[in-house]
Amino acid sequence: MEQLPLFDQLLPTRPVNVSSIPQRSPFRYPGGKTWLVPFIRKWLSQYDSKNIEFFEPFAGGGIVGLTVAFEQLARYVTLIELDNDVIAVWQTIFSDDANWLADKILHFDLNDNTVEEELSTAPISTKEKAFQTILKNRVYHGGILAPGAGRVKYGENGKGLLSRWYP
């Protein structure tokens, strides 16, 4: 296999405008790697994609791996994640339950009561856990999924929870 150049040779000399990167992930993610996408593109575009197997450790929102896959910069892409809630989302998205999840997101009537009801119910399947994870990610401050994270109260422009729910 061909040896790739050191990645640090491609590091930015100025900040990246992350709004210029296609948002392919369903997550709002603290510690996101969107800023890294232009450098991964540049790095991998130097090589024949059929010879590349790309791994994204600590995948979280998976923006780097998703970009590599969408833009066919590698033959294979593997997302690696330890958080069981986040894993449930990716397992559901890449399964036959993807349409169920999309439909649930599109038709969820988001308000304080429905959020409380949904999050107070223990999920009985991976797809239900996936939906709850996306819901938490959207209604908790900063997208933080950790226990104790608080819910958005006022949101942007006084829209409350709806300011971060755009199915």
N, C-alpha and C. Protein backbone atom coordinates (compact mmCIF):
# COMPACT_ATOMS: atom_id res chain seq x y z
N MET A 1 0.85 -1.19 0.00
CA MET A 1 0.00 0.00 0.00
C MET A 1 0.89 1.24 0.00
N GLU A 2 0.48 2.24 -0.72
CA GLU A 2 1.22 3.48 -0.87
C GLU A 2 1.27 4.27 0.44
N GLN A 3 2.43 4.81 0.77
CA GLN A 3 2.60 5.60 1.99
C GLN A 3 2.11 7.03 1.73
N LEU A 4 1.24 7.52 2.61
CA LEU A 4 0.70 8.88 2.48
C LEU A 4 1.64 9.87 3.16
N PRO A 5 1.67 11.14 2.67
CA PRO A 5 2.53 12.14 3.32
C PRO A 5 2.01 12.46 4.71
N LEU A 6 2.87 13.04 5.50
CA LEU A 6 2.46 13.43 6.85
C LEU A 6 1.32 14.43 6.76
N PHE A 7 0.31 14.17 7.56
CA PHE A 7 -0.88 15.02 7.52
C PHE A 7 -0.56 16.44 7.98
N ASP A 8 0.40 16.58 8.91
CA ASP A 8 0.69 17.92 9.43
C ASP A 8 1.21 18.86 8.35
N GLN A 9 1.63 18.32 7.21
CA GLN A 9 2.05 19.17 6.10
C GLN A 9 0.86 19.87 5.43
N LEU A 10 -0.35 19.40 5.75
CA LEU A 10 -1.56 19.96 5.14
C LEU A 10 -2.36 20.81 6.11
N LEU A 11 -1.88 20.99 7.32
CA LEU A 11 -2.65 21.71 8.33
C LEU A 11 -2.89 23.16 7.94
N PRO A 12 -3.98 23.74 8.45
CA PRO A 12 -4.39 25.07 8.02
C PRO A 12 -3.43 26.17 8.44
N THR A 13 -3.37 27.17 7.59
CA THR A 13 -2.63 28.38 7.94
C THR A 13 -3.61 29.47 8.36
N ARG A 14 -4.90 29.25 8.08
CA ARG A 14 -5.94 30.18 8.51
C ARG A 14 -7.19 29.38 8.85
N PRO A 15 -8.10 29.97 9.63
CA PRO A 15 -9.31 29.23 10.04
C PRO A 15 -10.18 28.85 8.85
N VAL A 16 -10.91 27.74 9.02
CA VAL A 16 -11.83 27.25 8.00
C VAL A 16 -13.22 27.74 8.34
N ASN A 17 -13.95 28.24 7.34
CA ASN A 17 -15.35 28.61 7.53
C ASN A 17 -16.18 27.34 7.44
N VAL A 18 -16.56 26.78 8.60
CA VAL A 18 -17.24 25.49 8.60
C VAL A 18 -18.61 25.54 7.94
N SER A 19 -19.19 26.73 7.78
CA SER A 19 -20.49 26.82 7.11
C SER A 19 -20.36 26.53 5.62
N SER A 20 -19.13 26.51 5.10
CA SER A 20 -18.91 26.21 3.69
C SER A 20 -18.84 24.71 3.42
N ILE A 21 -18.88 23.89 4.48
CA ILE A 21 -18.79 22.44 4.36
C ILE A 21 -20.20 21.85 4.36
N PRO A 22 -20.54 20.99 3.39
CA PRO A 22 -21.87 20.36 3.41
C PRO A 22 -22.11 19.63 4.73
N GLN A 23 -23.25 19.88 5.34
CA GLN A 23 -23.60 19.29 6.63
C GLN A 23 -24.35 17.98 6.39
N ARG A 24 -23.64 16.88 6.43
CA ARG A 24 -24.21 15.57 6.11
C ARG A 24 -24.59 14.78 7.34
N SER A 25 -24.21 15.24 8.50
CA SER A 25 -24.46 14.51 9.73
C SER A 25 -25.79 14.95 10.35
N PRO A 26 -26.49 14.03 11.00
CA PRO A 26 -27.71 14.41 11.70
C PRO A 26 -27.43 15.07 13.05
N PHE A 27 -26.18 15.08 13.47
CA PHE A 27 -25.80 15.58 14.79
C PHE A 27 -25.35 17.02 14.79
N ARG A 28 -25.66 17.70 15.90
CA ARG A 28 -24.96 18.92 16.30
C ARG A 28 -23.96 18.36 17.29
N TYR A 29 -22.71 18.57 17.08
CA TYR A 29 -21.76 17.84 17.92
C TYR A 29 -20.66 18.71 18.50
N PRO A 30 -20.59 18.77 19.83
CA PRO A 30 -19.46 19.48 20.44
C PRO A 30 -18.19 18.71 20.11
N GLY A 31 -17.13 19.42 19.81
CA GLY A 31 -15.89 18.75 19.44
C GLY A 31 -15.93 18.27 18.00
N GLY A 32 -16.83 18.82 17.21
CA GLY A 32 -16.98 18.40 15.82
C GLY A 32 -15.71 18.61 15.01
N LYS A 33 -15.60 17.84 13.96
CA LYS A 33 -14.40 17.87 13.12
C LYS A 33 -14.67 18.48 11.74
N THR A 34 -15.72 19.27 11.61
CA THR A 34 -16.04 19.86 10.32
C THR A 34 -14.86 20.65 9.77
N TRP A 35 -14.15 21.34 10.64
CA TRP A 35 -12.99 22.14 10.22
C TRP A 35 -11.93 21.30 9.51
N LEU A 36 -11.91 19.99 9.78
CA LEU A 36 -10.89 19.10 9.25
C LEU A 36 -11.17 18.65 7.81
N VAL A 37 -12.42 18.76 7.38
CA VAL A 37 -12.84 18.24 6.08
C VAL A 37 -11.98 18.75 4.91
N PRO A 38 -11.71 20.05 4.76
CA PRO A 38 -10.91 20.49 3.61
C PRO A 38 -9.51 19.86 3.57
N PHE A 39 -8.95 19.58 4.72
CA PHE A 39 -7.60 19.03 4.77
C PHE A 39 -7.60 17.54 4.46
N ILE A 40 -8.63 16.85 4.88
CA ILE A 40 -8.77 15.43 4.53
C ILE A 40 -9.00 15.30 3.02
N ARG A 41 -9.84 16.17 2.47
CA ARG A 41 -10.07 16.17 1.01
C ARG A 41 -8.75 16.34 0.27
N LYS A 42 -8.00 17.35 0.67
CA LYS A 42 -6.73 17.66 0.00
C LYS A 42 -5.76 16.49 0.12
N TRP A 43 -5.68 15.92 1.29
CA TRP A 43 -4.77 14.82 1.57
C TRP A 43 -5.12 13.60 0.73
N LEU A 44 -6.41 13.19 0.76
CA LEU A 44 -6.81 11.97 0.07
C LEU A 44 -6.92 12.13 -1.44
N SER A 45 -7.19 13.35 -1.90
CA SER A 45 -7.37 13.55 -3.34
C SER A 45 -6.06 13.36 -4.12
N GLN A 46 -4.96 13.26 -3.43
CA GLN A 46 -3.67 13.02 -4.08
C GLN A 46 -3.49 11.56 -4.50
N TYR A 47 -4.40 10.70 -4.07
CA TYR A 47 -4.22 9.26 -4.24
C TYR A 47 -5.41 8.63 -4.94
N ASP A 48 -5.21 7.45 -5.44
CA ASP A 48 -6.26 6.68 -6.08
C ASP A 48 -7.19 6.15 -4.99
N SER A 49 -8.44 6.58 -5.01
CA SER A 49 -9.38 6.24 -3.94
C SER A 49 -9.59 4.74 -3.79
N LYS A 50 -9.41 3.98 -4.86
CA LYS A 50 -9.64 2.53 -4.74
C LYS A 50 -8.57 1.85 -3.89
N ASN A 51 -7.50 2.58 -3.57
CA ASN A 51 -6.45 2.04 -2.71
C ASN A 51 -6.53 2.55 -1.27
N ILE A 52 -7.59 3.30 -0.95
CA ILE A 52 -7.69 3.92 0.37
C ILE A 52 -8.79 3.26 1.19
N GLU A 53 -8.46 2.92 2.42
CA GLU A 53 -9.45 2.51 3.42
C GLU A 53 -9.36 3.55 4.53
N PHE A 54 -10.44 4.28 4.74
CA PHE A 54 -10.45 5.41 5.68
C PHE A 54 -11.16 5.03 6.97
N PHE A 55 -10.52 5.30 8.10
CA PHE A 55 -11.10 5.06 9.41
C PHE A 55 -11.26 6.39 10.13
N GLU A 56 -12.44 6.62 10.69
CA GLU A 56 -12.65 7.81 11.51
C GLU A 56 -12.85 7.38 12.95
N PRO A 57 -11.77 7.45 13.77
CA PRO A 57 -11.93 7.12 15.19
C PRO A 57 -12.66 8.25 15.90
N PHE A 58 -13.31 7.92 17.01
CA PHE A 58 -14.08 8.92 17.76
C PHE A 58 -15.04 9.62 16.81
N ALA A 59 -15.76 8.86 16.03
CA ALA A 59 -16.55 9.38 14.92
C ALA A 59 -17.58 10.41 15.35
N GLY A 60 -18.30 10.18 16.44
CA GLY A 60 -19.32 11.13 16.84
C GLY A 60 -20.26 11.40 15.70
N GLY A 61 -20.31 12.66 15.26
CA GLY A 61 -21.17 13.04 14.15
C GLY A 61 -20.72 12.51 12.81
N GLY A 62 -19.51 12.01 12.72
CA GLY A 62 -19.03 11.34 11.51
C GLY A 62 -18.83 12.21 10.30
N ILE A 63 -18.70 13.51 10.48
CA ILE A 63 -18.66 14.41 9.32
C ILE A 63 -17.48 14.12 8.39
N VAL A 64 -16.34 13.72 8.94
CA VAL A 64 -15.18 13.46 8.09
C VAL A 64 -15.41 12.18 7.28
N GLY A 65 -15.79 11.11 7.95
CA GLY A 65 -16.04 9.85 7.26
C GLY A 65 -17.17 9.96 6.25
N LEU A 66 -18.23 10.68 6.61
CA LEU A 66 -19.35 10.86 5.68
C LEU A 66 -18.91 11.62 4.43
N THR A 67 -18.08 12.64 4.62
CA THR A 67 -17.58 13.39 3.47
C THR A 67 -16.72 12.50 2.58
N VAL A 68 -15.84 11.73 3.19
CA VAL A 68 -14.98 10.81 2.42
C VAL A 68 -15.85 9.85 1.62
N ALA A 69 -16.91 9.33 2.24
CA ALA A 69 -17.79 8.39 1.55
C ALA A 69 -18.58 9.08 0.43
N PHE A 70 -19.23 10.22 0.74
CA PHE A 70 -20.05 10.92 -0.26
C PHE A 70 -19.22 11.34 -1.46
N GLU A 71 -17.99 11.77 -1.20
CA GLU A 71 -17.14 12.27 -2.29
C GLU A 71 -16.24 11.20 -2.88
N GLN A 72 -16.47 9.96 -2.46
CA GLN A 72 -15.74 8.79 -2.98
C GLN A 72 -14.23 8.99 -2.95
N LEU A 73 -13.74 9.47 -1.81
CA LEU A 73 -12.31 9.68 -1.63
C LEU A 73 -11.59 8.43 -1.12
N ALA A 74 -12.37 7.39 -0.81
CA ALA A 74 -11.81 6.12 -0.35
C ALA A 74 -12.72 4.99 -0.81
N ARG A 75 -12.13 3.82 -0.88
CA ARG A 75 -12.92 2.64 -1.28
C ARG A 75 -13.83 2.19 -0.14
N TYR A 76 -13.30 2.24 1.07
CA TYR A 76 -14.05 1.86 2.26
C TYR A 76 -13.94 2.94 3.31
N VAL A 77 -15.01 3.13 4.07
CA VAL A 77 -15.00 4.08 5.19
C VAL A 77 -15.54 3.34 6.41
N THR A 78 -14.83 3.46 7.51
CA THR A 78 -15.26 2.85 8.77
C THR A 78 -15.35 3.93 9.83
N LEU A 79 -16.54 4.04 10.45
CA LEU A 79 -16.73 4.96 11.57
C LEU A 79 -16.52 4.16 12.85
N ILE A 80 -15.71 4.68 13.75
CA ILE A 80 -15.42 4.00 15.01
C ILE A 80 -15.91 4.89 16.15
N GLU A 81 -16.75 4.33 17.01
CA GLU A 81 -17.36 5.10 18.10
C GLU A 81 -17.58 4.19 19.31
N LEU A 82 -17.44 4.75 20.51
CA LEU A 82 -17.64 4.00 21.75
C LEU A 82 -18.99 4.27 22.42
N ASP A 83 -19.58 5.44 22.16
CA ASP A 83 -20.82 5.83 22.82
C ASP A 83 -21.99 5.02 22.24
N ASN A 84 -22.63 4.22 23.09
CA ASN A 84 -23.70 3.33 22.63
C ASN A 84 -24.88 4.08 22.02
N ASP A 85 -25.17 5.27 22.52
CA ASP A 85 -26.28 6.05 21.96
C ASP A 85 -25.95 6.51 20.53
N VAL A 86 -24.73 6.98 20.35
CA VAL A 86 -24.29 7.43 19.02
C VAL A 86 -24.21 6.22 18.08
N ILE A 87 -23.73 5.11 18.59
CA ILE A 87 -23.68 3.88 17.78
C ILE A 87 -25.08 3.50 17.30
N ALA A 88 -26.07 3.63 18.18
CA ALA A 88 -27.45 3.30 17.80
C ALA A 88 -27.91 4.14 16.61
N VAL A 89 -27.52 5.40 16.59
CA VAL A 89 -27.90 6.27 15.46
C VAL A 89 -27.28 5.75 14.17
N TRP A 90 -25.98 5.49 14.18
CA TRP A 90 -25.31 5.03 12.95
C TRP A 90 -25.81 3.65 12.53
N GLN A 91 -26.05 2.76 13.49
CA GLN A 91 -26.59 1.44 13.12
C GLN A 91 -27.95 1.58 12.45
N THR A 92 -28.76 2.49 12.95
CA THR A 92 -30.09 2.68 12.39
C THR A 92 -30.02 3.33 11.01
N ILE A 93 -29.19 4.35 10.88
CA ILE A 93 -29.06 5.04 9.59
C ILE A 93 -28.59 4.09 8.50
N PHE A 94 -27.68 3.18 8.85
CA PHE A 94 -27.13 2.25 7.85
C PHE A 94 -27.84 0.89 7.91
N SER A 95 -29.13 0.90 8.19
CA SER A 95 -29.91 -0.33 8.27
C SER A 95 -31.24 -0.14 7.54
N ASP A 96 -32.04 -1.18 7.58
CA ASP A 96 -33.37 -1.11 6.99
C ASP A 96 -34.31 -0.18 7.76
N ASP A 97 -33.90 0.26 8.96
CA ASP A 97 -34.72 1.15 9.77
C ASP A 97 -34.47 2.64 9.48
N ALA A 98 -33.63 2.93 8.51
CA ALA A 98 -33.30 4.32 8.20
C ALA A 98 -34.55 5.12 7.83
N ASN A 99 -35.43 4.56 7.02
CA ASN A 99 -36.64 5.28 6.63
C ASN A 99 -37.56 5.50 7.83
N TRP A 100 -37.64 4.52 8.74
CA TRP A 100 -38.43 4.70 9.96
C TRP A 100 -37.91 5.90 10.74
N LEU A 101 -36.58 5.98 10.91
CA LEU A 101 -35.97 7.07 11.66
C LEU A 101 -36.24 8.42 10.98
N ALA A 102 -36.05 8.48 9.68
CA ALA A 102 -36.31 9.72 8.94
C ALA A 102 -37.76 10.16 9.10
N ASP A 103 -38.68 9.22 8.97
CA ASP A 103 -40.10 9.53 9.11
C ASP A 103 -40.43 10.01 10.52
N LYS A 104 -39.84 9.37 11.52
CA LYS A 104 -40.07 9.75 12.92
C LYS A 104 -39.58 11.19 13.16
N ILE A 105 -38.42 11.52 12.63
CA ILE A 105 -37.88 12.88 12.77
C ILE A 105 -38.78 13.88 12.05
N LEU A 106 -39.16 13.58 10.82
CA LEU A 106 -39.97 14.50 10.02
C LEU A 106 -41.34 14.78 10.63
N HIS A 107 -41.91 13.79 11.30
CA HIS A 107 -43.28 13.93 11.79
C HIS A 107 -43.40 14.11 13.29
N PHE A 108 -42.26 14.26 13.99
CA PHE A 108 -42.31 14.45 15.43
C PHE A 108 -42.81 15.86 15.74
N ASP A 109 -43.85 15.96 16.54
CA ASP A 109 -44.41 17.25 16.95
C ASP A 109 -43.63 17.75 18.16
N LEU A 110 -42.59 18.51 17.91
CA LEU A 110 -41.68 18.92 18.97
C LEU A 110 -42.25 20.05 19.82
N ASN A 111 -42.41 19.75 21.10
CA ASN A 111 -42.75 20.76 22.10
C ASN A 111 -42.30 20.21 23.45
N ASP A 112 -42.36 21.02 24.49
CA ASP A 112 -41.88 20.58 25.81
C ASP A 112 -42.51 19.27 26.25
N ASN A 113 -43.80 19.13 26.05
CA ASN A 113 -44.50 17.93 26.50
C ASN A 113 -44.09 16.68 25.72
N THR A 114 -44.00 16.78 24.39
CA THR A 114 -43.65 15.59 23.60
C THR A 114 -42.20 15.19 23.83
N VAL A 115 -41.32 16.18 24.05
CA VAL A 115 -39.92 15.87 24.35
C VAL A 115 -39.84 15.14 25.68
N GLU A 116 -40.52 15.67 26.68
CA GLU A 116 -40.51 15.05 28.01
C GLU A 116 -41.05 13.62 27.95
N GLU A 117 -42.16 13.44 27.24
CA GLU A 117 -42.76 12.11 27.12
C GLU A 117 -41.81 11.14 26.41
N GLU A 118 -41.22 11.58 25.31
CA GLU A 118 -40.31 10.72 24.54
C GLU A 118 -39.08 10.33 25.35
N LEU A 119 -38.49 11.30 26.03
CA LEU A 119 -37.24 11.03 26.74
C LEU A 119 -37.44 10.34 28.08
N SER A 120 -38.67 10.28 28.57
CA SER A 120 -38.93 9.58 29.83
C SER A 120 -39.28 8.11 29.60
N THR A 121 -39.37 7.71 28.34
CA THR A 121 -39.69 6.33 27.98
C THR A 121 -38.40 5.59 27.63
N ALA A 122 -38.18 4.45 28.26
CA ALA A 122 -36.99 3.65 27.94
C ALA A 122 -37.13 3.06 26.54
N PRO A 123 -36.14 3.24 25.69
CA PRO A 123 -36.23 2.69 24.33
C PRO A 123 -36.17 1.16 24.38
N ILE A 124 -36.97 0.50 23.54
CA ILE A 124 -36.96 -0.96 23.53
C ILE A 124 -36.28 -1.52 22.29
N SER A 125 -35.84 -0.64 21.41
CA SER A 125 -35.15 -1.09 20.20
C SER A 125 -34.03 -0.11 19.87
N THR A 126 -33.14 -0.54 19.01
CA THR A 126 -32.03 0.31 18.57
C THR A 126 -32.55 1.54 17.85
N LYS A 127 -33.58 1.38 17.02
CA LYS A 127 -34.10 2.53 16.27
C LYS A 127 -34.73 3.56 17.21
N GLU A 128 -35.40 3.10 18.27
CA GLU A 128 -35.97 4.04 19.24
C GLU A 128 -34.87 4.75 20.02
N LYS A 129 -33.81 4.02 20.36
CA LYS A 129 -32.66 4.64 21.02
C LYS A 129 -32.02 5.68 20.10
N ALA A 130 -31.95 5.37 18.82
CA ALA A 130 -31.39 6.31 17.84
C ALA A 130 -32.21 7.60 17.81
N PHE A 131 -33.53 7.47 17.75
CA PHE A 131 -34.36 8.66 17.71
C PHE A 131 -34.18 9.49 18.98
N GLN A 132 -34.19 8.85 20.13
CA GLN A 132 -34.01 9.58 21.39
C GLN A 132 -32.65 10.28 21.43
N THR A 133 -31.63 9.65 20.87
CA THR A 133 -30.29 10.26 20.86
C THR A 133 -30.29 11.51 19.99
N ILE A 134 -30.88 11.43 18.82
CA ILE A 134 -30.96 12.62 17.95
C ILE A 134 -31.78 13.70 18.62
N LEU A 135 -32.88 13.32 19.25
CA LEU A 135 -33.72 14.30 19.94
C LEU A 135 -32.92 15.00 21.06
N LYS A 136 -32.22 14.23 21.87
CA LYS A 136 -31.39 14.82 22.94
C LYS A 136 -30.34 15.75 22.35
N ASN A 137 -29.70 15.29 21.29
CA ASN A 137 -28.65 16.08 20.66
C ASN A 137 -29.19 17.43 20.18
N ARG A 138 -30.44 17.47 19.79
CA ARG A 138 -31.03 18.71 19.29
C ARG A 138 -31.62 19.59 20.38
N VAL A 139 -32.06 19.02 21.48
CA VAL A 139 -32.74 19.85 22.49
C VAL A 139 -31.89 20.13 23.73
N TYR A 140 -30.72 19.50 23.83
CA TYR A 140 -29.82 19.78 24.95
C TYR A 140 -28.82 20.86 24.53
N HIS A 141 -28.42 21.69 25.48
CA HIS A 141 -27.46 22.77 25.22
C HIS A 141 -26.23 22.23 24.51
N GLY A 142 -25.89 22.87 23.41
CA GLY A 142 -24.68 22.53 22.68
C GLY A 142 -24.66 21.15 22.08
N GLY A 143 -25.79 20.46 22.07
CA GLY A 143 -25.83 19.10 21.53
C GLY A 143 -25.20 18.07 22.44
N ILE A 144 -24.94 18.45 23.68
CA ILE A 144 -24.24 17.58 24.63
C ILE A 144 -25.17 16.45 25.07
N LEU A 145 -24.68 15.22 24.94
CA LEU A 145 -25.48 14.04 25.28
C LEU A 145 -25.20 13.50 26.68
N ALA A 146 -24.20 14.04 27.34
CA ALA A 146 -23.79 13.52 28.65
C ALA A 146 -24.90 13.72 29.69
N PRO A 147 -24.97 12.79 30.67
CA PRO A 147 -25.94 12.95 31.76
C PRO A 147 -25.78 14.32 32.43
N GLY A 148 -26.89 14.93 32.73
CA GLY A 148 -26.86 16.23 33.39
C GLY A 148 -26.89 17.42 32.45
N ALA A 149 -26.78 17.16 31.14
CA ALA A 149 -26.85 18.26 30.18
C ALA A 149 -28.25 18.88 30.25
N GLY A 150 -28.30 20.20 30.21
CA GLY A 150 -29.59 20.89 30.31
C GLY A 150 -30.24 21.11 28.97
N ARG A 151 -31.54 21.25 29.00
CA ARG A 151 -32.29 21.50 27.78
C ARG A 151 -32.26 22.98 27.41
N VAL A 152 -32.35 23.21 26.12
CA VAL A 152 -32.47 24.57 25.61
C VAL A 152 -33.77 25.15 26.14
N LYS A 153 -33.71 26.37 26.64
CA LYS A 153 -34.94 27.02 27.14
C LYS A 153 -35.41 28.08 26.17
N TYR A 154 -34.53 28.99 25.83
CA TYR A 154 -34.93 30.13 25.00
C TYR A 154 -34.54 29.95 23.54
N GLY A 155 -33.46 29.25 23.30
CA GLY A 155 -33.02 29.01 21.94
C GLY A 155 -32.63 30.28 21.21
N GLU A 156 -32.50 30.16 19.91
CA GLU A 156 -32.15 31.31 19.09
C GLU A 156 -33.41 32.09 18.75
N ASN A 157 -33.32 33.40 18.83
CA ASN A 157 -34.44 34.29 18.51
C ASN A 157 -35.72 33.95 19.29
N GLY A 158 -35.53 33.43 20.51
CA GLY A 158 -36.68 33.12 21.36
C GLY A 158 -37.54 31.95 20.88
N LYS A 159 -37.00 31.11 19.98
CA LYS A 159 -37.78 30.00 19.42
C LYS A 159 -37.76 28.76 20.32
N GLY A 160 -37.03 28.82 21.42
CA GLY A 160 -36.98 27.68 22.32
C GLY A 160 -36.44 26.43 21.66
N LEU A 161 -37.05 25.29 21.97
CA LEU A 161 -36.60 24.01 21.43
C LEU A 161 -36.60 23.99 19.89
N LEU A 162 -37.53 24.68 19.30
CA LEU A 162 -37.64 24.65 17.83
C LEU A 162 -36.45 25.29 17.12
N SER A 163 -35.65 26.08 17.85
CA SER A 163 -34.52 26.73 17.22
C SER A 163 -33.44 25.73 16.79
N ARG A 164 -33.47 24.53 17.33
CA ARG A 164 -32.48 23.51 16.96
C ARG A 164 -33.12 22.26 16.35
N TRP A 165 -34.40 22.34 16.02
CA TRP A 165 -35.09 21.19 15.43
C TRP A 165 -35.51 21.56 14.02
N TYR A 166 -34.72 21.15 13.08
CA TYR A 166 -35.06 21.41 11.67
C TYR A 166 -34.92 20.09 10.91
N PRO A 167 -36.02 19.31 10.96
CA PRO A 167 -36.00 17.96 10.36
C PRO A 167 -35.65 17.96 8.88
